[in-house]
């Protein structure tokens, strides 16, 4: 991710990209658990993913139930759904 601001769609695309790399590397690590280079690679993309998800959720709301705000109210259902004009 470069340092230029991203709109919602670009940020979601970035999350999808780094998520794919992290998950694919995790599958590799299942069969190569002692590959230190792969573990470092995984940790890098996992960190990028966590930062991107946090940035997305702070600006646009939760992506998954894990990101739903439960401090006194339930925010998951307050976002517009894609068929209502929401941008998921």
PDB file of N, CA and C in Angstrom:
ATOM      1  N   UNK A   1       0.861  -1.171   0.000  1.00  0.00           N
ATOM      2  CA  UNK A   1       0.000   0.000   0.000  1.00  0.00           C
ATOM      3  C   UNK A   1       0.898   1.222   0.000  1.00  0.00           C
ATOM      4  N   UNK A   2       0.633   2.120  -0.914  1.00  0.00           N
ATOM      5  CA  UNK A   2       1.401   3.355  -0.921  1.00  0.00           C
ATOM      6  C   UNK A   2       0.822   4.320   0.102  1.00  0.00           C
ATOM      7  N   UNK A   3       1.439   5.461   0.244  1.00  0.00           N
ATOM      8  CA  UNK A   3       0.994   6.419   1.257  1.00  0.00           C
ATOM      9  C   UNK A   3      -0.109   7.342   0.765  1.00  0.00           C
ATOM     10  N   UNK A   4      -0.582   7.133  -0.458  1.00  0.00           N
ATOM     11  CA  UNK A   4      -1.669   7.959  -0.973  1.00  0.00           C
ATOM     12  C   UNK A   4      -2.985   7.486  -0.367  1.00  0.00           C
ATOM     13  N   UNK A   5      -3.882   8.423  -0.067  1.00  0.00           N
ATOM     14  CA  UNK A   5      -5.175   8.015   0.497  1.00  0.00           C
ATOM     15  C   UNK A   5      -5.963   7.169  -0.507  1.00  0.00           C
ATOM     16  N   UNK A   6      -6.701   6.218   0.023  1.00  0.00           N
ATOM     17  CA  UNK A   6      -7.513   5.338  -0.810  1.00  0.00           C
ATOM     18  C   UNK A   6      -8.983   5.582  -0.519  1.00  0.00           C
ATOM     19  N   UNK A   7      -9.795   5.451  -1.563  1.00  0.00           N
ATOM     20  CA  UNK A   7     -11.231   5.507  -1.320  1.00  0.00           C
ATOM     21  C   UNK A   7     -11.679   4.132  -0.815  1.00  0.00           C
ATOM     22  N   UNK A   8     -12.941   4.004  -0.527  1.00  0.00           N
ATOM     23  CA  UNK A   8     -13.455   2.776   0.081  1.00  0.00           C
ATOM     24  C   UNK A   8     -13.209   1.555  -0.800  1.00  0.00           C
ATOM     25  N   UNK A   9     -13.478   1.690  -2.071  1.00  0.00           N
ATOM     26  CA  UNK A   9     -13.306   0.565  -2.985  1.00  0.00           C
ATOM     27  C   UNK A   9     -11.836   0.154  -3.107  1.00  0.00           C
ATOM     28  N   UNK A  10     -10.952   1.133  -3.204  1.00  0.00           N
ATOM     29  CA  UNK A  10      -9.521   0.835  -3.303  1.00  0.00           C
ATOM     30  C   UNK A  10      -9.008   0.166  -2.032  1.00  0.00           C
ATOM     31  N   UNK A  11      -9.468   0.641  -0.893  1.00  0.00           N
ATOM     32  CA  UNK A  11      -9.036   0.064   0.377  1.00  0.00           C
ATOM     33  C   UNK A  11      -9.534  -1.372   0.512  1.00  0.00           C
ATOM     34  N   UNK A  12     -10.763  -1.618   0.098  1.00  0.00           N
ATOM     35  CA  UNK A  12     -11.297  -2.978   0.148  1.00  0.00           C
ATOM     36  C   UNK A  12     -10.528  -3.897  -0.803  1.00  0.00           C
ATOM     37  N   UNK A  13     -10.173  -3.392  -1.982  1.00  0.00           N
ATOM     38  CA  UNK A  13      -9.348  -4.179  -2.902  1.00  0.00           C
ATOM     39  C   UNK A  13      -8.002  -4.517  -2.273  1.00  0.00           C
ATOM     40  N   UNK A  14      -7.386  -3.534  -1.604  1.00  0.00           N
ATOM     41  CA  UNK A  14      -6.101  -3.761  -0.939  1.00  0.00           C
ATOM     42  C   UNK A  14      -6.241  -4.832   0.151  1.00  0.00           C
ATOM     43  N   UNK A  15      -7.307  -4.754   0.930  1.00  0.00           N
ATOM     44  CA  UNK A  15      -7.549  -5.756   1.974  1.00  0.00           C
ATOM     45  C   UNK A  15      -7.672  -7.141   1.352  1.00  0.00           C
ATOM     46  N   UNK A  16      -8.384  -7.235   0.251  1.00  0.00           N
ATOM     47  CA  UNK A  16      -8.533  -8.531  -0.421  1.00  0.00           C
ATOM     48  C   UNK A  16      -7.189  -9.065  -0.908  1.00  0.00           C
ATOM     49  N   UNK A  17      -6.352  -8.184  -1.428  1.00  0.00           N
ATOM     50  CA  UNK A  17      -5.044  -8.608  -1.931  1.00  0.00           C
ATOM     51  C   UNK A  17      -4.143  -9.112  -0.804  1.00  0.00           C
ATOM     52  N   UNK A  18      -4.001  -8.321   0.244  1.00  0.00           N
ATOM     53  CA  UNK A  18      -3.103  -8.739   1.327  1.00  0.00           C
ATOM     54  C   UNK A  18      -3.683  -9.926   2.096  1.00  0.00           C
ATOM     55  N   UNK A  19      -5.000 -10.036   2.153  1.00  0.00           N
ATOM     56  CA  UNK A  19      -5.625 -11.194   2.797  1.00  0.00           C
ATOM     57  C   UNK A  19      -5.304 -12.464   2.018  1.00  0.00           C
ATOM     58  N   UNK A  20      -5.406 -12.393   0.704  1.00  0.00           N
ATOM     59  CA  UNK A  20      -5.096 -13.554  -0.125  1.00  0.00           C
ATOM     60  C   UNK A  20      -3.660 -14.017   0.107  1.00  0.00           C
ATOM     61  N   UNK A  21      -2.726 -13.070   0.096  1.00  0.00           N
ATOM     62  CA  UNK A  21      -1.316 -13.418   0.300  1.00  0.00           C
ATOM     63  C   UNK A  21      -1.114 -14.041   1.684  1.00  0.00           C
ATOM     64  N   UNK A  22      -1.702 -13.435   2.707  1.00  0.00           N
ATOM     65  CA  UNK A  22      -1.540 -13.952   4.070  1.00  0.00           C
ATOM     66  C   UNK A  22      -2.141 -15.349   4.202  1.00  0.00           C
ATOM     67  N   UNK A  23      -3.352 -15.550   3.691  1.00  0.00           N
ATOM     68  CA  UNK A  23      -4.002 -16.853   3.814  1.00  0.00           C
ATOM     69  C   UNK A  23      -3.274 -17.922   2.994  1.00  0.00           C
ATOM     70  N   UNK A  24      -2.820 -17.556   1.803  1.00  0.00           N
ATOM     71  CA  UNK A  24      -2.104 -18.507   0.968  1.00  0.00           C
ATOM     72  C   UNK A  24      -0.780 -18.909   1.623  1.00  0.00           C
ATOM     73  N   UNK A  25      -0.104 -17.941   2.214  1.00  0.00           N
ATOM     74  CA  UNK A  25       1.151 -18.230   2.908  1.00  0.00           C
ATOM     75  C   UNK A  25       0.898 -19.093   4.145  1.00  0.00           C
ATOM     76  N   UNK A  26      -0.209 -18.864   4.820  1.00  0.00           N
ATOM     77  CA  UNK A  26      -0.557 -19.698   5.981  1.00  0.00           C
ATOM     78  C   UNK A  26      -0.740 -21.154   5.557  1.00  0.00           C
ATOM     79  N   UNK A  27      -1.346 -21.373   4.400  1.00  0.00           N
ATOM     80  CA  UNK A  27      -1.498 -22.741   3.897  1.00  0.00           C
ATOM     81  C   UNK A  27      -0.134 -23.368   3.619  1.00  0.00           C
ATOM     82  N   UNK A  28       0.769 -22.597   3.044  1.00  0.00           N
ATOM     83  CA  UNK A  28       2.126 -23.084   2.799  1.00  0.00           C
ATOM     84  C   UNK A  28       2.798 -23.455   4.120  1.00  0.00           C
ATOM     85  N   UNK A  29       2.623 -22.598   5.114  1.00  0.00           N
ATOM     86  CA  UNK A  29       3.247 -22.845   6.418  1.00  0.00           C
ATOM     87  C   UNK A  29       2.684 -24.090   7.103  1.00  0.00           C
ATOM     88  N   UNK A  30       1.465 -24.480   6.754  1.00  0.00           N
ATOM     89  CA  UNK A  30       0.911 -25.722   7.301  1.00  0.00           C
ATOM     90  C   UNK A  30       1.780 -26.921   6.931  1.00  0.00           C
ATOM     91  N   UNK A  31       2.391 -26.876   5.757  1.00  0.00           N
ATOM     92  CA  UNK A  31       3.214 -27.996   5.304  1.00  0.00           C
ATOM     93  C   UNK A  31       4.712 -27.721   5.413  1.00  0.00           C
ATOM     94  N   UNK A  32       5.076 -26.472   5.717  1.00  0.00           N
ATOM     95  CA  UNK A  32       6.486 -26.084   5.852  1.00  0.00           C
ATOM     96  C   UNK A  32       6.652 -25.218   7.108  1.00  0.00           C
ATOM     97  N   UNK A  33       6.341 -25.749   8.278  1.00  0.00           N
ATOM     98  CA  UNK A  33       6.291 -24.931   9.495  1.00  0.00           C
ATOM     99  C   UNK A  33       7.639 -24.360   9.947  1.00  0.00           C
ATOM    100  N   UNK A  34       8.742 -24.865   9.423  1.00  0.00           N
ATOM    101  CA  UNK A  34      10.054 -24.382   9.860  1.00  0.00           C
ATOM    102  C   UNK A  34      10.706 -23.433   8.854  1.00  0.00           C
ATOM    103  N   UNK A  35       9.949 -23.021   7.855  1.00  0.00           N
ATOM    104  CA  UNK A  35      10.471 -22.094   6.846  1.00  0.00           C
ATOM    105  C   UNK A  35      10.419 -20.675   7.415  1.00  0.00           C
ATOM    106  N   UNK A  36      11.545 -20.207   7.917  1.00  0.00           N
ATOM    107  CA  UNK A  36      11.595 -18.900   8.583  1.00  0.00           C
ATOM    108  C   UNK A  36      11.323 -17.745   7.629  1.00  0.00           C
ATOM    109  N   UNK A  37      11.761 -17.881   6.392  1.00  0.00           N
ATOM    110  CA  UNK A  37      11.501 -16.830   5.407  1.00  0.00           C
ATOM    111  C   UNK A  37      10.000 -16.715   5.132  1.00  0.00           C
ATOM    112  N   UNK A  38       9.333 -17.847   5.011  1.00  0.00           N
ATOM    113  CA  UNK A  38       7.887 -17.837   4.787  1.00  0.00           C
ATOM    114  C   UNK A  38       7.154 -17.279   5.999  1.00  0.00           C
ATOM    115  N   UNK A  39       7.631 -17.599   7.187  1.00  0.00           N
ATOM    116  CA  UNK A  39       7.002 -17.076   8.400  1.00  0.00           C
ATOM    117  C   UNK A  39       7.143 -15.559   8.470  1.00  0.00           C
ATOM    118  N   UNK A  40       8.303 -15.052   8.117  1.00  0.00           N
ATOM    119  CA  UNK A  40       8.517 -13.608   8.088  1.00  0.00           C
ATOM    120  C   UNK A  40       7.615 -12.952   7.038  1.00  0.00           C
ATOM    121  N   UNK A  41       7.508 -13.587   5.878  1.00  0.00           N
ATOM    122  CA  UNK A  41       6.644 -13.106   4.802  1.00  0.00           C
ATOM    123  C   UNK A  41       5.192 -13.050   5.277  1.00  0.00           C
ATOM    124  N   UNK A  42       4.745 -14.129   5.932  1.00  0.00           N
ATOM    125  CA  UNK A  42       3.386 -14.187   6.471  1.00  0.00           C
ATOM    126  C   UNK A  42       3.150 -13.063   7.479  1.00  0.00           C
ATOM    127  N   UNK A  43       4.077 -12.898   8.414  1.00  0.00           N
ATOM    128  CA  UNK A  43       3.915 -11.862   9.437  1.00  0.00           C
ATOM    129  C   UNK A  43       3.827 -10.472   8.821  1.00  0.00           C
ATOM    130  N   UNK A  44       4.598 -10.222   7.781  1.00  0.00           N
ATOM    131  CA  UNK A  44       4.552  -8.923   7.102  1.00  0.00           C
ATOM    132  C   UNK A  44       3.157  -8.668   6.520  1.00  0.00           C
ATOM    133  N   UNK A  45       2.634  -9.638   5.782  1.00  0.00           N
ATOM    134  CA  UNK A  45       1.325  -9.450   5.147  1.00  0.00           C
ATOM    135  C   UNK A  45       0.181  -9.503   6.150  1.00  0.00           C
ATOM    136  N   UNK A  46       0.346 -10.250   7.211  1.00  0.00           N
ATOM    137  CA  UNK A  46      -0.662 -10.253   8.278  1.00  0.00           C
ATOM    138  C   UNK A  46      -0.752  -8.867   8.911  1.00  0.00           C
ATOM    139  N   UNK A  47       0.401  -8.245   9.155  1.00  0.00           N
ATOM    140  CA  UNK A  47       0.425  -6.898   9.725  1.00  0.00           C
ATOM    141  C   UNK A  47      -0.208  -5.894   8.770  1.00  0.00           C
ATOM    142  N   UNK A  48       0.126  -5.987   7.478  1.00  0.00           N
ATOM    143  CA  UNK A  48      -0.496  -5.096   6.490  1.00  0.00           C
ATOM    144  C   UNK A  48      -2.010  -5.267   6.485  1.00  0.00           C
ATOM    145  N   UNK A  49      -2.464  -6.515   6.572  1.00  0.00           N
ATOM    146  CA  UNK A  49      -3.904  -6.790   6.568  1.00  0.00           C
ATOM    147  C   UNK A  49      -4.585  -6.209   7.798  1.00  0.00           C
ATOM    148  N   UNK A  50      -3.997  -6.430   8.966  1.00  0.00           N
ATOM    149  CA  UNK A  50      -4.589  -5.908  10.201  1.00  0.00           C
ATOM    150  C   UNK A  50      -4.684  -4.385  10.172  1.00  0.00           C
ATOM    151  N   UNK A  51      -3.645  -3.720   9.679  1.00  0.00           N
ATOM    152  CA  UNK A  51      -3.664  -2.254   9.586  1.00  0.00           C
ATOM    153  C   UNK A  51      -4.726  -1.779   8.605  1.00  0.00           C
ATOM    154  N   UNK A  52      -4.825  -2.452   7.466  1.00  0.00           N
ATOM    155  CA  UNK A  52      -5.803  -2.050   6.459  1.00  0.00           C
ATOM    156  C   UNK A  52      -7.231  -2.267   6.955  1.00  0.00           C
ATOM    157  N   UNK A  53      -7.489  -3.388   7.613  1.00  0.00           N
ATOM    158  CA  UNK A  53      -8.827  -3.654   8.154  1.00  0.00           C
ATOM    159  C   UNK A  53      -9.170  -2.618   9.219  1.00  0.00           C
ATOM    160  N   UNK A  54      -8.219  -2.304  10.074  1.00  0.00           N
ATOM    161  CA  UNK A  54      -8.465  -1.293  11.109  1.00  0.00           C
ATOM    162  C   UNK A  54      -8.798   0.057  10.471  1.00  0.00           C
ATOM    163  N   UNK A  55      -8.030   0.441   9.452  1.00  0.00           N
ATOM    164  CA  UNK A  55      -8.275   1.704   8.763  1.00  0.00           C
ATOM    165  C   UNK A  55      -9.661   1.705   8.119  1.00  0.00           C
ATOM    166  N   UNK A  56     -10.019   0.597   7.469  1.00  0.00           N
ATOM    167  CA  UNK A  56     -11.322   0.494   6.826  1.00  0.00           C
ATOM    168  C   UNK A  56     -12.443   0.618   7.850  1.00  0.00           C
ATOM    169  N   UNK A  57     -12.332  -0.128   8.938  1.00  0.00           N
ATOM    170  CA  UNK A  57     -13.404  -0.141   9.932  1.00  0.00           C
ATOM    171  C   UNK A  57     -13.544   1.199  10.643  1.00  0.00           C
ATOM    172  N   UNK A  58     -12.450   1.925  10.813  1.00  0.00           N
ATOM    173  CA  UNK A  58     -12.534   3.254  11.423  1.00  0.00           C
ATOM    174  C   UNK A  58     -13.252   4.239  10.513  1.00  0.00           C
ATOM    175  N   UNK A  59     -13.088   4.085   9.200  1.00  0.00           N
ATOM    176  CA  UNK A  59     -13.698   5.015   8.245  1.00  0.00           C
ATOM    177  C   UNK A  59     -15.091   4.601   7.791  1.00  0.00           C
ATOM    178  N   UNK A  60     -15.299   3.277   7.617  1.00  0.00           N
ATOM    179  CA  UNK A  60     -16.518   2.827   6.944  1.00  0.00           C
ATOM    180  C   UNK A  60     -17.381   1.863   7.747  1.00  0.00           C
ATOM    181  N   UNK A  61     -16.910   1.398   8.876  1.00  0.00           N
ATOM    182  CA  UNK A  61     -17.678   0.451   9.672  1.00  0.00           C
ATOM    183  C   UNK A  61     -17.115  -0.949   9.560  1.00  0.00           C
ATOM    184  N   UNK A  62     -17.672  -1.876  10.320  1.00  0.00           N
ATOM    185  CA  UNK A  62     -17.109  -3.222  10.413  1.00  0.00           C
ATOM    186  C   UNK A  62     -17.202  -4.014   9.108  1.00  0.00           C
ATOM    187  N   UNK A  63     -16.159  -4.789   8.849  1.00  0.00           N
ATOM    188  CA  UNK A  63     -16.149  -5.713   7.710  1.00  0.00           C
ATOM    189  C   UNK A  63     -16.688  -7.080   8.108  1.00  0.00           C
ATOM    190  N   UNK A  64     -16.441  -7.460   9.342  1.00  0.00           N
ATOM    191  CA  UNK A  64     -16.886  -8.750   9.857  1.00  0.00           C
ATOM    192  C   UNK A  64     -17.497  -8.525  11.237  1.00  0.00           C
ATOM    193  N   UNK A  65     -18.098  -9.541  11.770  1.00  0.00           N
ATOM    194  CA  UNK A  65     -18.670  -9.423  13.115  1.00  0.00           C
ATOM    195  C   UNK A  65     -17.610  -9.095  14.155  1.00  0.00           C
ATOM    196  N   UNK A  66     -16.365  -9.503  13.910  1.00  0.00           N
ATOM    197  CA  UNK A  66     -15.284  -9.199  14.850  1.00  0.00           C
ATOM    198  C   UNK A  66     -15.064  -7.699  15.001  1.00  0.00           C
ATOM    199  N   UNK A  67     -15.396  -6.931  13.978  1.00  0.00           N
ATOM    200  CA  UNK A  67     -15.192  -5.492  14.023  1.00  0.00           C
ATOM    201  C   UNK A  67     -16.404  -4.712  14.493  1.00  0.00           C
ATOM    202  N   UNK A  68     -17.483  -5.398  14.825  1.00  0.00           N
ATOM    203  CA  UNK A  68     -18.704  -4.717  15.260  1.00  0.00           C
ATOM    204  C   UNK A  68     -18.499  -4.082  16.630  1.00  0.00           C
ATOM    205  N   UNK A  69     -18.957  -2.856  16.762  1.00  0.00           N
ATOM    206  CA  UNK A  69     -18.866  -2.121  18.025  1.00  0.00           C
ATOM    207  C   UNK A  69     -19.957  -2.625  18.960  1.00  0.00           C
ATOM    208  N   UNK A  70     -19.569  -3.069  20.130  1.00  0.00           N
ATOM    209  CA  UNK A  70     -20.556  -3.554  21.099  1.00  0.00           C
ATOM    210  C   UNK A  70     -20.577  -2.694  22.351  1.00  0.00           C
ATOM    211  N   UNK A  71     -20.054  -1.485  22.271  1.00  0.00           N
ATOM    212  CA  UNK A  71     -20.031  -0.569  23.415  1.00  0.00           C
ATOM    213  C   UNK A  71     -21.358   0.176  23.526  1.00  0.00           C
ATOM    214  N   UNK A  72     -22.353  -0.476  24.055  1.00  0.00           N
ATOM    215  CA  UNK A  72     -23.628   0.168  24.309  1.00  0.00           C
ATOM    216  C   UNK A  72     -24.626   0.096  23.175  1.00  0.00           C
ATOM    217  N   UNK A  73     -24.190  -0.323  21.991  1.00  0.00           N
ATOM    218  CA  UNK A  73     -25.123  -0.470  20.876  1.00  0.00           C
ATOM    219  C   UNK A  73     -24.562  -1.485  19.886  1.00  0.00           C
ATOM    220  N   UNK A  74     -25.402  -1.913  18.989  1.00  0.00           N
ATOM    221  CA  UNK A  74     -25.004  -2.898  17.994  1.00  0.00           C
ATOM    222  C   UNK A  74     -24.881  -2.199  16.656  1.00  0.00           C
ATOM    223  N   UNK A  75     -23.635  -1.960  16.194  1.00  0.00           N
ATOM    224  CA  UNK A  75     -23.413  -1.177  14.979  1.00  0.00           C
ATOM    225  C   UNK A  75     -23.468  -2.000  13.699  1.00  0.00           C
ATOM    226  N   UNK A  76     -23.405  -3.309  13.815  1.00  0.00           N
ATOM    227  CA  UNK A  76     -23.354  -4.148  12.621  1.00  0.00           C
ATOM    228  C   UNK A  76     -24.552  -3.891  11.703  1.00  0.00           C
ATOM    229  N   UNK A  77     -25.733  -3.790  12.245  1.00  0.00           N
ATOM    230  CA  UNK A  77     -26.925  -3.607  11.434  1.00  0.00           C
ATOM    231  C   UNK A  77     -27.215  -2.173  11.040  1.00  0.00           C
ATOM    232  N   UNK A  78     -26.404  -1.226  11.487  1.00  0.00           N
ATOM    233  CA  UNK A  78     -26.680   0.179  11.188  1.00  0.00           C
ATOM    234  C   UNK A  78     -26.089   0.635   9.857  1.00  0.00           C
ATOM    235  N   UNK A  79     -25.239  -0.182   9.253  1.00  0.00           N
ATOM    236  CA  UNK A  79     -24.672   0.171   7.952  1.00  0.00           C
ATOM    237  C   UNK A  79     -25.654  -0.203   6.852  1.00  0.00           C
ATOM    238  N   UNK A  80     -25.608   0.558   5.755  1.00  0.00           N
ATOM    239  CA  UNK A  80     -26.449   0.207   4.616  1.00  0.00           C
ATOM    240  C   UNK A  80     -25.865  -1.015   3.915  1.00  0.00           C
ATOM    241  N   UNK A  81     -26.729  -1.905   3.526  1.00  0.00           N
ATOM    242  CA  UNK A  81     -26.317  -3.095   2.796  1.00  0.00           C
ATOM    243  C   UNK A  81     -26.039  -2.738   1.340  1.00  0.00           C
ATOM    244  N   UNK A  82     -25.276  -3.567   0.619  1.00  0.00           N
ATOM    245  CA  UNK A  82     -24.967  -3.251  -0.778  1.00  0.00           C
ATOM    246  C   UNK A  82     -26.210  -3.019  -1.629  1.00  0.00           C
ATOM    247  N   UNK A  83     -27.280  -3.779  -1.406  1.00  0.00           N
ATOM    248  CA  UNK A  83     -28.493  -3.613  -2.197  1.00  0.00           C
ATOM    249  C   UNK A  83     -29.283  -2.366  -1.802  1.00  0.00           C
ATOM    250  N   UNK A  84     -28.837  -1.704  -0.726  1.00  0.00           N
ATOM    251  CA  UNK A  84     -29.451  -0.448  -0.303  1.00  0.00           C
ATOM    252  C   UNK A  84     -28.572   0.749  -0.683  1.00  0.00           C
ATOM    253  N   UNK A  85     -27.560   0.501  -1.496  1.00  0.00           N
ATOM    254  CA  UNK A  85     -26.652   1.570  -1.904  1.00  0.00           C
ATOM    255  C   UNK A  85     -25.395   1.651  -1.072  1.00  0.00           C
ATOM    256  N   UNK A  86     -25.208   0.712  -0.146  1.00  0.00           N
ATOM    257  CA  UNK A  86     -23.976   0.681   0.642  1.00  0.00           C
ATOM    258  C   UNK A  86     -22.819   0.177  -0.201  1.00  0.00           C
ATOM    259  N   UNK A  87     -21.636   0.523   0.196  1.00  0.00           N
ATOM    260  CA  UNK A  87     -20.451   0.107  -0.561  1.00  0.00           C
ATOM    261  C   UNK A  87     -19.656  -0.908   0.223  1.00  0.00           C
ATOM    262  N   UNK A  88     -19.890  -2.171  -0.040  1.00  0.00           N
ATOM    263  CA  UNK A  88     -19.137  -3.231   0.632  1.00  0.00           C
ATOM    264  C   UNK A  88     -18.022  -3.707  -0.243  1.00  0.00           C
TER     265      UNK A  88
END
